Each structure stands twice: as structure tokens, then as C-alpha cells.
PDB file of N, CA and C in Angstrom:
ATOM      1  N   UNK A   1    -169.379  98.930 -76.118  1.00  0.00           N
ATOM      2  CA  UNK A   1    -170.403  99.915 -75.816  1.00  0.00           C
ATOM      3  C   UNK A   1    -171.779  99.271 -75.988  1.00  0.00           C
ATOM      4  N   UNK A   2    -172.661  99.585 -75.076  1.00  0.00           N
ATOM      5  CA  UNK A   2    -174.022  99.074 -75.129  1.00  0.00           C
ATOM      6  C   UNK A   2    -175.008 100.230 -75.160  1.00  0.00           C
ATOM      7  N   UNK A   3    -176.204  99.932 -75.644  1.00  0.00           N
ATOM      8  CA  UNK A   3    -177.288 100.914 -75.663  1.00  0.00           C
ATOM      9  C   UNK A   3    -178.168 100.704 -74.431  1.00  0.00           C
ATOM     10  N   UNK A   4    -178.504 101.805 -73.771  1.00  0.00           N
ATOM     11  CA  UNK A   4    -179.332 101.770 -72.569  1.00  0.00           C
ATOM     12  C   UNK A   4    -180.457 102.786 -72.700  1.00  0.00           C
ATOM     13  N   UNK A   5    -181.526 102.537 -71.954  1.00  0.00           N
ATOM     14  CA  UNK A   5    -182.576 103.537 -71.750  1.00  0.00           C
ATOM     15  C   UNK A   5    -182.511 103.952 -70.290  1.00  0.00           C
ATOM     16  N   UNK A   6    -182.479 105.240 -70.070  1.00  0.00           N
ATOM     17  CA  UNK A   6    -182.454 105.781 -68.711  1.00  0.00           C
ATOM     18  C   UNK A   6    -183.721 106.599 -68.507  1.00  0.00           C
ATOM     19  N   UNK A   7    -184.565 106.145 -67.585  1.00  0.00           N
ATOM     20  CA  UNK A   7    -185.785 106.876 -67.246  1.00  0.00           C
ATOM     21  C   UNK A   7    -185.570 107.521 -65.883  1.00  0.00           C
ATOM     22  N   UNK A   8    -185.792 108.828 -65.803  1.00  0.00           N
ATOM     23  CA  UNK A   8    -185.649 109.566 -64.547  1.00  0.00           C
ATOM     24  C   UNK A   8    -186.949 110.275 -64.225  1.00  0.00           C
ATOM     25  N   UNK A   9    -187.304 110.265 -62.946  1.00  0.00           N
ATOM     26  CA  UNK A   9    -188.423 111.067 -62.453  1.00  0.00           C
ATOM     27  C   UNK A   9    -187.808 112.142 -61.564  1.00  0.00           C
ATOM     28  N   UNK A  10    -187.995 113.387 -61.973  1.00  0.00           N
ATOM     29  CA  UNK A  10    -187.378 114.529 -61.293  1.00  0.00           C
ATOM     30  C   UNK A  10    -188.457 115.280 -60.517  1.00  0.00           C
ATOM     31  N   UNK A  11    -188.069 115.904 -59.424  1.00  0.00           N
ATOM     32  CA  UNK A  11    -189.021 116.634 -58.575  1.00  0.00           C
ATOM     33  C   UNK A  11    -189.869 117.594 -59.399  1.00  0.00           C
ATOM     34  N   UNK A  12    -191.174 117.656 -59.133  1.00  0.00           N
ATOM     35  CA  UNK A  12    -192.051 118.504 -59.939  1.00  0.00           C
ATOM     36  C   UNK A  12    -191.965 119.985 -59.613  1.00  0.00           C
ATOM     37  N   UNK A  13    -191.463 120.349 -58.443  1.00  0.00           N
ATOM     38  CA  UNK A  13    -191.479 121.753 -58.037  1.00  0.00           C
ATOM     39  C   UNK A  13    -190.235 122.532 -58.468  1.00  0.00           C
ATOM     40  N   UNK A  14    -189.361 121.939 -59.280  1.00  0.00           N
ATOM     41  CA  UNK A  14    -188.189 122.658 -59.782  1.00  0.00           C
ATOM     42  C   UNK A  14    -188.598 123.606 -60.907  1.00  0.00           C
ATOM     43  N   UNK A  15    -187.979 124.781 -60.945  1.00  0.00           N
ATOM     44  CA  UNK A  15    -188.235 125.680 -62.063  1.00  0.00           C
ATOM     45  C   UNK A  15    -187.450 125.200 -63.285  1.00  0.00           C
ATOM     46  N   UNK A  16    -187.625 125.873 -64.405  1.00  0.00           N
ATOM     47  CA  UNK A  16    -187.048 125.408 -65.665  1.00  0.00           C
ATOM     48  C   UNK A  16    -185.519 125.395 -65.637  1.00  0.00           C
ATOM     49  N   UNK A  17    -184.909 126.405 -65.023  1.00  0.00           N
ATOM     50  CA  UNK A  17    -183.448 126.450 -65.002  1.00  0.00           C
ATOM     51  C   UNK A  17    -182.868 125.343 -64.118  1.00  0.00           C
ATOM     52  N   UNK A  18    -183.503 125.074 -62.979  1.00  0.00           N
ATOM     53  CA  UNK A  18    -183.030 124.002 -62.102  1.00  0.00           C
ATOM     54  C   UNK A  18    -183.239 122.637 -62.766  1.00  0.00           C
ATOM     55  N   UNK A  19    -184.368 122.465 -63.448  1.00  0.00           N
ATOM     56  CA  UNK A  19    -184.648 121.222 -64.161  1.00  0.00           C
ATOM     57  C   UNK A  19    -183.603 120.974 -65.251  1.00  0.00           C
ATOM     58  N   UNK A  20    -183.306 122.013 -66.045  1.00  0.00           N
ATOM     59  CA  UNK A  20    -182.285 121.876 -67.087  1.00  0.00           C
ATOM     60  C   UNK A  20    -180.904 121.641 -66.489  1.00  0.00           C
ATOM     61  N   UNK A  21    -180.652 122.209 -65.322  1.00  0.00           N
ATOM     62  CA  UNK A  21    -179.383 121.976 -64.642  1.00  0.00           C
ATOM     63  C   UNK A  21    -179.210 120.520 -64.236  1.00  0.00           C
ATOM     64  N   UNK A  22    -180.298 119.902 -63.763  1.00  0.00           N
ATOM     65  CA  UNK A  22    -180.248 118.484 -63.400  1.00  0.00           C
ATOM     66  C   UNK A  22    -179.994 117.638 -64.639  1.00  0.00           C
ATOM     67  N   UNK A  23    -180.666 117.963 -65.743  1.00  0.00           N
ATOM     68  CA  UNK A  23    -180.458 117.211 -66.987  1.00  0.00           C
ATOM     69  C   UNK A  23    -179.017 117.337 -67.473  1.00  0.00           C
ATOM     70  N   UNK A  24    -178.464 118.543 -67.417  1.00  0.00           N
ATOM     71  CA  UNK A  24    -177.086 118.747 -67.859  1.00  0.00           C
ATOM     72  C   UNK A  24    -176.097 118.005 -66.955  1.00  0.00           C
ATOM     73  N   UNK A  25    -176.413 117.939 -65.660  1.00  0.00           N
ATOM     74  CA  UNK A  25    -175.548 117.219 -64.738  1.00  0.00           C
ATOM     75  C   UNK A  25    -175.533 115.725 -65.067  1.00  0.00           C
ATOM     76  N   UNK A  26    -176.695 115.156 -65.370  1.00  0.00           N
ATOM     77  CA  UNK A  26    -176.785 113.736 -65.738  1.00  0.00           C
ATOM     78  C   UNK A  26    -176.049 113.486 -67.052  1.00  0.00           C
ATOM     79  N   UNK A  27    -176.239 114.368 -68.035  1.00  0.00           N
ATOM     80  CA  UNK A  27    -175.536 114.218 -69.315  1.00  0.00           C
ATOM     81  C   UNK A  27    -174.024 114.343 -69.120  1.00  0.00           C
ATOM     82  N   UNK A  28    -173.608 115.196 -68.199  1.00  0.00           N
ATOM     83  CA  UNK A  28    -172.189 115.342 -67.905  1.00  0.00           C
ATOM     84  C   UNK A  28    -171.597 114.082 -67.289  1.00  0.00           C
ATOM     85  N   UNK A  29    -172.345 113.437 -66.379  1.00  0.00           N
ATOM     86  CA  UNK A  29    -171.874 112.181 -65.793  1.00  0.00           C
ATOM     87  C   UNK A  29    -171.706 111.109 -66.860  1.00  0.00           C
ATOM     88  N   UNK A  30    -172.632 111.079 -67.815  1.00  0.00           N
ATOM     89  CA  UNK A  30    -172.561 110.075 -68.879  1.00  0.00           C
ATOM     90  C   UNK A  30    -171.352 110.337 -69.771  1.00  0.00           C
ATOM     91  N   UNK A  31    -171.133 111.593 -70.139  1.00  0.00           N
ATOM     92  CA  UNK A  31    -169.992 111.902 -71.014  1.00  0.00           C
ATOM     93  C   UNK A  31    -168.659 111.721 -70.292  1.00  0.00           C
ATOM     94  N   UNK A  32    -168.606 111.989 -68.972  1.00  0.00           N
ATOM     95  CA  UNK A  32    -167.385 111.762 -68.202  1.00  0.00           C
ATOM     96  C   UNK A  32    -167.016 110.282 -68.163  1.00  0.00           C
ATOM     97  N   UNK A  33    -168.043 109.428 -68.212  1.00  0.00           N
ATOM     98  CA  UNK A  33    -167.810 107.981 -68.174  1.00  0.00           C
ATOM     99  C   UNK A  33    -167.472 107.432 -69.557  1.00  0.00           C
ATOM    100  N   UNK A  34    -167.369 108.297 -70.550  1.00  0.00           N
ATOM    101  CA  UNK A  34    -167.025 107.852 -71.893  1.00  0.00           C
ATOM    102  C   UNK A  34    -168.226 107.475 -72.742  1.00  0.00           C
ATOM    103  N   UNK A  35    -169.410 107.818 -72.289  1.00  0.00           N
ATOM    104  CA  UNK A  35    -170.634 107.492 -73.031  1.00  0.00           C
ATOM    105  C   UNK A  35    -171.170 108.697 -73.771  1.00  0.00           C
ATOM    106  N   UNK A  36    -172.324 108.499 -74.394  1.00  0.00           N
ATOM    107  CA  UNK A  36    -172.973 109.600 -75.107  1.00  0.00           C
ATOM    108  C   UNK A  36    -174.481 109.479 -74.966  1.00  0.00           C
ATOM    109  N   UNK A  37    -175.153 110.628 -74.961  1.00  0.00           N
ATOM    110  CA  UNK A  37    -176.612 110.670 -74.928  1.00  0.00           C
ATOM    111  C   UNK A  37    -177.084 110.811 -76.368  1.00  0.00           C
ATOM    112  N   UNK A  38    -177.722 109.760 -76.877  1.00  0.00           N
ATOM    113  CA  UNK A  38    -178.173 109.763 -78.264  1.00  0.00           C
ATOM    114  C   UNK A  38    -179.464 110.563 -78.441  1.00  0.00           C
ATOM    115  N   UNK A  39    -180.349 110.482 -77.452  1.00  0.00           N
ATOM    116  CA  UNK A  39    -181.635 111.156 -77.562  1.00  0.00           C
ATOM    117  C   UNK A  39    -182.185 111.380 -76.157  1.00  0.00           C
ATOM    118  N   UNK A  40    -182.792 112.530 -75.929  1.00  0.00           N
ATOM    119  CA  UNK A  40    -183.411 112.832 -74.637  1.00  0.00           C
ATOM    120  C   UNK A  40    -184.822 113.358 -74.886  1.00  0.00           C
ATOM    121  N   UNK A  41    -185.810 112.692 -74.333  1.00  0.00           N
ATOM    122  CA  UNK A  41    -187.207 113.098 -74.471  1.00  0.00           C
ATOM    123  C   UNK A  41    -187.728 113.546 -73.112  1.00  0.00           C
ATOM    124  N   UNK A  42    -188.224 114.757 -73.045  1.00  0.00           N
ATOM    125  CA  UNK A  42    -188.849 115.252 -71.823  1.00  0.00           C
ATOM    126  C   UNK A  42    -190.349 115.002 -71.958  1.00  0.00           C
ATOM    127  N   UNK A  43    -190.861 114.132 -71.111  1.00  0.00           N
ATOM    128  CA  UNK A  43    -192.287 113.788 -71.165  1.00  0.00           C
ATOM    129  C   UNK A  43    -193.144 114.777 -70.387  1.00  0.00           C
ATOM    130  N   UNK A  44    -192.538 115.560 -69.526  1.00  0.00           N
ATOM    131  CA  UNK A  44    -193.278 116.565 -68.768  1.00  0.00           C
ATOM    132  C   UNK A  44    -193.799 116.021 -67.448  1.00  0.00           C
ATOM    133  N   UNK A  45    -194.678 116.820 -66.834  1.00  0.00           N
ATOM    134  CA  UNK A  45    -195.258 116.454 -65.535  1.00  0.00           C
ATOM    135  C   UNK A  45    -196.325 115.402 -65.720  1.00  0.00           C
ATOM    136  N   UNK A  46    -196.246 114.367 -64.895  1.00  0.00           N
ATOM    137  CA  UNK A  46    -197.244 113.302 -64.910  1.00  0.00           C
ATOM    138  C   UNK A  46    -197.518 112.865 -63.485  1.00  0.00           C
ATOM    139  N   UNK A  47    -198.709 112.375 -63.298  1.00  0.00           N
ATOM    140  CA  UNK A  47    -199.101 111.859 -61.986  1.00  0.00           C
ATOM    141  C   UNK A  47    -198.486 110.475 -61.792  1.00  0.00           C
ATOM    142  N   UNK A  48    -197.914 110.256 -60.612  1.00  0.00           N
ATOM    143  CA  UNK A  48    -197.279 108.971 -60.320  1.00  0.00           C
ATOM    144  C   UNK A  48    -198.295 108.015 -59.700  1.00  0.00           C
ATOM    145  N   UNK A  49    -197.998 106.744 -59.743  1.00  0.00           N
ATOM    146  CA  UNK A  49    -198.897 105.727 -59.206  1.00  0.00           C
ATOM    147  C   UNK A  49    -198.975 105.786 -57.678  1.00  0.00           C
ATOM    148  N   UNK A  50    -197.906 106.216 -57.035  1.00  0.00           N
ATOM    149  CA  UNK A  50    -197.878 106.311 -55.582  1.00  0.00           C
ATOM    150  C   UNK A  50    -197.000 107.495 -55.174  1.00  0.00           C
ATOM    151  N   UNK A  51    -197.136 107.914 -53.935  1.00  0.00           N
ATOM    152  CA  UNK A  51    -196.410 109.069 -53.419  1.00  0.00           C
ATOM    153  C   UNK A  51    -194.948 108.716 -53.162  1.00  0.00           C
ATOM    154  N   UNK A  52    -194.039 109.582 -53.629  1.00  0.00           N
ATOM    155  CA  UNK A  52    -192.614 109.437 -53.360  1.00  0.00           C
ATOM    156  C   UNK A  52    -192.146 110.741 -52.725  1.00  0.00           C
ATOM    157  N   UNK A  53    -191.642 110.666 -51.494  1.00  0.00           N
ATOM    158  CA  UNK A  53    -191.164 111.848 -50.763  1.00  0.00           C
ATOM    159  C   UNK A  53    -192.202 112.972 -50.751  1.00  0.00           C
ATOM    160  N   UNK A  54    -193.446 112.617 -50.507  1.00  0.00           N
ATOM    161  CA  UNK A  54    -194.582 113.550 -50.423  1.00  0.00           C
ATOM    162  C   UNK A  54    -194.895 114.231 -51.755  1.00  0.00           C
ATOM    163  N   UNK A  55    -194.478 113.655 -52.874  1.00  0.00           N
ATOM    164  CA  UNK A  55    -194.794 114.176 -54.206  1.00  0.00           C
ATOM    165  C   UNK A  55    -195.746 113.207 -54.895  1.00  0.00           C
ATOM    166  N   UNK A  56    -196.833 113.739 -55.467  1.00  0.00           N
ATOM    167  CA  UNK A  56    -197.772 112.918 -56.224  1.00  0.00           C
ATOM    168  C   UNK A  56    -197.503 113.004 -57.719  1.00  0.00           C
ATOM    169  N   UNK A  57    -196.728 114.003 -58.150  1.00  0.00           N
ATOM    170  CA  UNK A  57    -196.384 114.176 -59.562  1.00  0.00           C
ATOM    171  C   UNK A  57    -194.869 114.217 -59.703  1.00  0.00           C
ATOM    172  N   UNK A  58    -194.414 114.013 -60.935  1.00  0.00           N
ATOM    173  CA  UNK A  58    -192.995 114.095 -61.227  1.00  0.00           C
ATOM    174  C   UNK A  58    -192.786 114.507 -62.673  1.00  0.00           C
ATOM    175  N   UNK A  59    -191.605 115.015 -62.976  1.00  0.00           N
ATOM    176  CA  UNK A  59    -191.248 115.370 -64.343  1.00  0.00           C
ATOM    177  C   UNK A  59    -190.447 114.206 -64.920  1.00  0.00           C
ATOM    178  N   UNK A  60    -190.995 113.590 -65.950  1.00  0.00           N
ATOM    179  CA  UNK A  60    -190.401 112.386 -66.525  1.00  0.00           C
ATOM    180  C   UNK A  60    -189.468 112.739 -67.681  1.00  0.00           C
ATOM    181  N   UNK A  61    -188.317 112.043 -67.732  1.00  0.00           N
ATOM    182  CA  UNK A  61    -187.342 112.217 -68.809  1.00  0.00           C
ATOM    183  C   UNK A  61    -186.860 110.829 -69.225  1.00  0.00           C
ATOM    184  N   UNK A  62    -186.868 110.582 -70.536  1.00  0.00           N
ATOM    185  CA  UNK A  62    -186.358 109.325 -71.085  1.00  0.00           C
ATOM    186  C   UNK A  62    -185.137 109.644 -71.938  1.00  0.00           C
ATOM    187  N   UNK A  63    -184.018 108.966 -71.659  1.00  0.00           N
ATOM    188  CA  UNK A  63    -182.787 109.183 -72.417  1.00  0.00           C
ATOM    189  C   UNK A  63    -182.325 107.872 -73.034  1.00  0.00           C
ATOM    190  N   UNK A  64    -181.913 107.919 -74.287  1.00  0.00           N
ATOM    191  CA  UNK A  64    -181.241 106.799 -74.932  1.00  0.00           C
ATOM    192  C   UNK A  64    -179.752 107.069 -74.827  1.00  0.00           C
ATOM    193  N   UNK A  65    -179.033 106.141 -74.204  1.00  0.00           N
ATOM    194  CA  UNK A  65    -177.638 106.352 -73.842  1.00  0.00           C
ATOM    195  C   UNK A  65    -176.785 105.215 -74.399  1.00  0.00           C
ATOM    196  N   UNK A  66    -175.585 105.542 -74.855  1.00  0.00           N
ATOM    197  CA  UNK A  66    -174.603 104.544 -75.253  1.00  0.00           C
ATOM    198  C   UNK A  66    -173.404 104.690 -74.336  1.00  0.00           C
ATOM    199  N   UNK A  67    -173.065 103.610 -73.613  1.00  0.00           N
ATOM    200  CA  UNK A  67    -171.921 103.641 -72.708  1.00  0.00           C
ATOM    201  C   UNK A  67    -171.451 102.229 -72.409  1.00  0.00           C
ATOM    202  N   UNK A  68    -170.279 102.125 -71.816  1.00  0.00           N
ATOM    203  CA  UNK A  68    -169.730 100.807 -71.496  1.00  0.00           C
ATOM    204  C   UNK A  68    -170.425 100.253 -70.247  1.00  0.00           C
ATOM    205  N   UNK A  69    -170.566  98.937 -70.168  1.00  0.00           N
ATOM    206  CA  UNK A  69    -171.254  98.334 -69.017  1.00  0.00           C
ATOM    207  C   UNK A  69    -170.553  98.593 -67.684  1.00  0.00           C
ATOM    208  N   UNK A  70    -169.258  98.782 -67.697  1.00  0.00           N
ATOM    209  CA  UNK A  70    -168.545  99.025 -66.433  1.00  0.00           C
ATOM    210  C   UNK A  70    -168.813 100.423 -65.880  1.00  0.00           C
ATOM    211  N   UNK A  71    -169.231 101.346 -66.720  1.00  0.00           N
ATOM    212  CA  UNK A  71    -169.475 102.722 -66.281  1.00  0.00           C
ATOM    213  C   UNK A  71    -170.860 102.908 -65.675  1.00  0.00           C
ATOM    214  N   UNK A  72    -171.725 101.916 -65.786  1.00  0.00           N
ATOM    215  CA  UNK A  72    -173.101 102.079 -65.302  1.00  0.00           C
ATOM    216  C   UNK A  72    -173.178 102.142 -63.782  1.00  0.00           C
ATOM    217  N   UNK A  73    -172.280 101.464 -63.088  1.00  0.00           N
ATOM    218  CA  UNK A  73    -172.345 101.488 -61.620  1.00  0.00           C
ATOM    219  C   UNK A  73    -172.066 102.879 -61.079  1.00  0.00           C
ATOM    220  N   UNK A  74    -171.097 103.573 -61.667  1.00  0.00           N
ATOM    221  CA  UNK A  74    -170.808 104.937 -61.230  1.00  0.00           C
ATOM    222  C   UNK A  74    -171.945 105.888 -61.540  1.00  0.00           C
ATOM    223  N   UNK A  75    -172.566 105.710 -62.702  1.00  0.00           N
ATOM    224  CA  UNK A  75    -173.706 106.555 -63.073  1.00  0.00           C
ATOM    225  C   UNK A  75    -174.864 106.338 -62.115  1.00  0.00           C
ATOM    226  N   UNK A  76    -175.174 105.090 -61.816  1.00  0.00           N
ATOM    227  CA  UNK A  76    -176.297 104.815 -60.915  1.00  0.00           C
ATOM    228  C   UNK A  76    -176.019 105.310 -59.503  1.00  0.00           C
ATOM    229  N   UNK A  77    -174.773 105.261 -59.073  1.00  0.00           N
ATOM    230  CA  UNK A  77    -174.421 105.796 -57.759  1.00  0.00           C
ATOM    231  C   UNK A  77    -174.679 107.300 -57.716  1.00  0.00           C
ATOM    232  N   UNK A  78    -174.259 108.019 -58.764  1.00  0.00           N
ATOM    233  CA  UNK A  78    -174.487 109.459 -58.819  1.00  0.00           C
ATOM    234  C   UNK A  78    -175.979 109.784 -58.872  1.00  0.00           C
ATOM    235  N   UNK A  79    -176.747 109.010 -59.625  1.00  0.00           N
ATOM    236  CA  UNK A  79    -178.188 109.243 -59.715  1.00  0.00           C
ATOM    237  C   UNK A  79    -178.867 109.002 -58.366  1.00  0.00           C
ATOM    238  N   UNK A  80    -178.406 108.000 -57.647  1.00  0.00           N
ATOM    239  CA  UNK A  80    -179.009 107.662 -56.360  1.00  0.00           C
ATOM    240  C   UNK A  80    -178.822 108.777 -55.339  1.00  0.00           C
ATOM    241  N   UNK A  81    -177.672 109.459 -55.384  1.00  0.00           N
ATOM    242  CA  UNK A  81    -177.383 110.498 -54.396  1.00  0.00           C
ATOM    243  C   UNK A  81    -177.834 111.893 -54.816  1.00  0.00           C
ATOM    244  N   UNK A  82    -178.375 112.033 -56.005  1.00  0.00           N
ATOM    245  CA  UNK A  82    -178.916 113.324 -56.459  1.00  0.00           C
ATOM    246  C   UNK A  82    -180.326 113.469 -55.885  1.00  0.00           C
ATOM    247  N   UNK A  83    -180.521 114.426 -54.981  1.00  0.00           N
ATOM    248  CA  UNK A  83    -181.793 114.543 -54.267  1.00  0.00           C
ATOM    249  C   UNK A  83    -182.954 114.955 -55.152  1.00  0.00           C
ATOM    250  N   UNK A  84    -182.694 115.679 -56.220  1.00  0.00           N
ATOM    251  CA  UNK A  84    -183.793 116.141 -57.072  1.00  0.00           C
ATOM    252  C   UNK A  84    -184.321 115.048 -57.995  1.00  0.00           C
ATOM    253  N   UNK A  85    -183.628 113.914 -58.101  1.00  0.00           N
ATOM    254  CA  UNK A  85    -184.123 112.774 -58.876  1.00  0.00           C
ATOM    255  C   UNK A  85    -184.820 111.827 -57.913  1.00  0.00           C
ATOM    256  N   UNK A  86    -186.147 111.699 -58.066  1.00  0.00           N
ATOM    257  CA  UNK A  86    -186.930 110.871 -57.165  1.00  0.00           C
ATOM    258  C   UNK A  86    -186.706 109.389 -57.424  1.00  0.00           C
ATOM    259  N   UNK A  87    -186.740 108.989 -58.695  1.00  0.00           N
ATOM    260  CA  UNK A  87    -186.523 107.593 -59.094  1.00  0.00           C
ATOM    261  C   UNK A  87    -185.798 107.572 -60.435  1.00  0.00           C
ATOM    262  N   UNK A  88    -185.095 106.466 -60.678  1.00  0.00           N
ATOM    263  CA  UNK A  88    -184.464 106.263 -61.976  1.00  0.00           C
ATOM    264  C   UNK A  88    -184.437 104.772 -62.283  1.00  0.00           C
ATOM    265  N   UNK A  89    -184.359 104.468 -63.568  1.00  0.00           N
ATOM    266  CA  UNK A  89    -184.233 103.081 -63.990  1.00  0.00           C
ATOM    267  C   UNK A  89    -183.371 103.035 -65.243  1.00  0.00           C
ATOM    268  N   UNK A  90    -182.326 102.244 -65.210  1.00  0.00           N
ATOM    269  CA  UNK A  90    -181.411 102.074 -66.324  1.00  0.00           C
ATOM    270  C   UNK A  90    -181.570 100.653 -66.837  1.00  0.00           C
ATOM    271  N   UNK A  91    -181.948 100.503 -68.099  1.00  0.00           N
ATOM    272  CA  UNK A  91    -182.156  99.164 -68.651  1.00  0.00           C
ATOM    273  C   UNK A  91    -181.465  99.036 -70.000  1.00  0.00           C
ATOM    274  N   UNK A  92    -181.020  97.822 -70.310  1.00  0.00           N
ATOM    275  CA  UNK A  92    -180.338  97.525 -71.554  1.00  0.00           C
ATOM    276  C   UNK A  92    -181.362  97.417 -72.686  1.00  0.00           C
ATOM    277  N   UNK A  93    -181.033  97.999 -73.839  1.00  0.00           N
ATOM    278  CA  UNK A  93    -181.911  97.940 -75.006  1.00  0.00           C
ATOM    279  C   UNK A  93    -181.346  96.891 -75.951  1.00  0.00           C
ATOM    280  N   UNK A  94    -182.213  96.011 -76.399  1.00  0.00           N
ATOM    281  CA  UNK A  94    -181.805  95.019 -77.401  1.00  0.00           C
ATOM    282  C   UNK A  94    -181.228  93.868 -76.793  1.00  0.00           C
TER     283      UNK A  94
END
């Protein structure tokens, strides 16, 4: 098992229930892969450096995740096809 940081930028126009639904879906993918979410920080709405899909702002979320390296490809595939997630970055910690 390795420690990862997962940064997601989620569409800014989602209401609170839809936003929480996206977060729960991501946490569910991680737990299905045998991993765990150690900590999740919601940074809130922030202005992005450039426009993505006609959005100038995004809702930022940082998650500390523990999972096996083989499970990361499936997680990134699911994140890529989730339309409400504008960008994501998964990086190894330590």
C-alpha cells in the first residue's frame, strides 16, 4: 500500500448535494479498489489559472489516500470519465 494525494477540481455550478455525491462516488471507487481515504479537505471555490470547459472557477478538493499501486489505473480511468470533475492529479507522497 502506498500513500497518495489526489487533487480534484470539480465544476463550480454544482449544488451542495451534487458536489457531495461526486465526493462520495470518488471515495467509493477508492474503497472498491481496496484503498482508504485518510483525509479529505474541501478548499472551496477558487479561480483557475485558465479556462477549462468554459469555467473560470472550480471547487478544489484534496484527498490523502492509501491504496495499492495497481489500483491507481482504474481510479484514474473513472476520474477521467466523470464529467463533473474538470481536472485531477494523483501523486505519490513520500
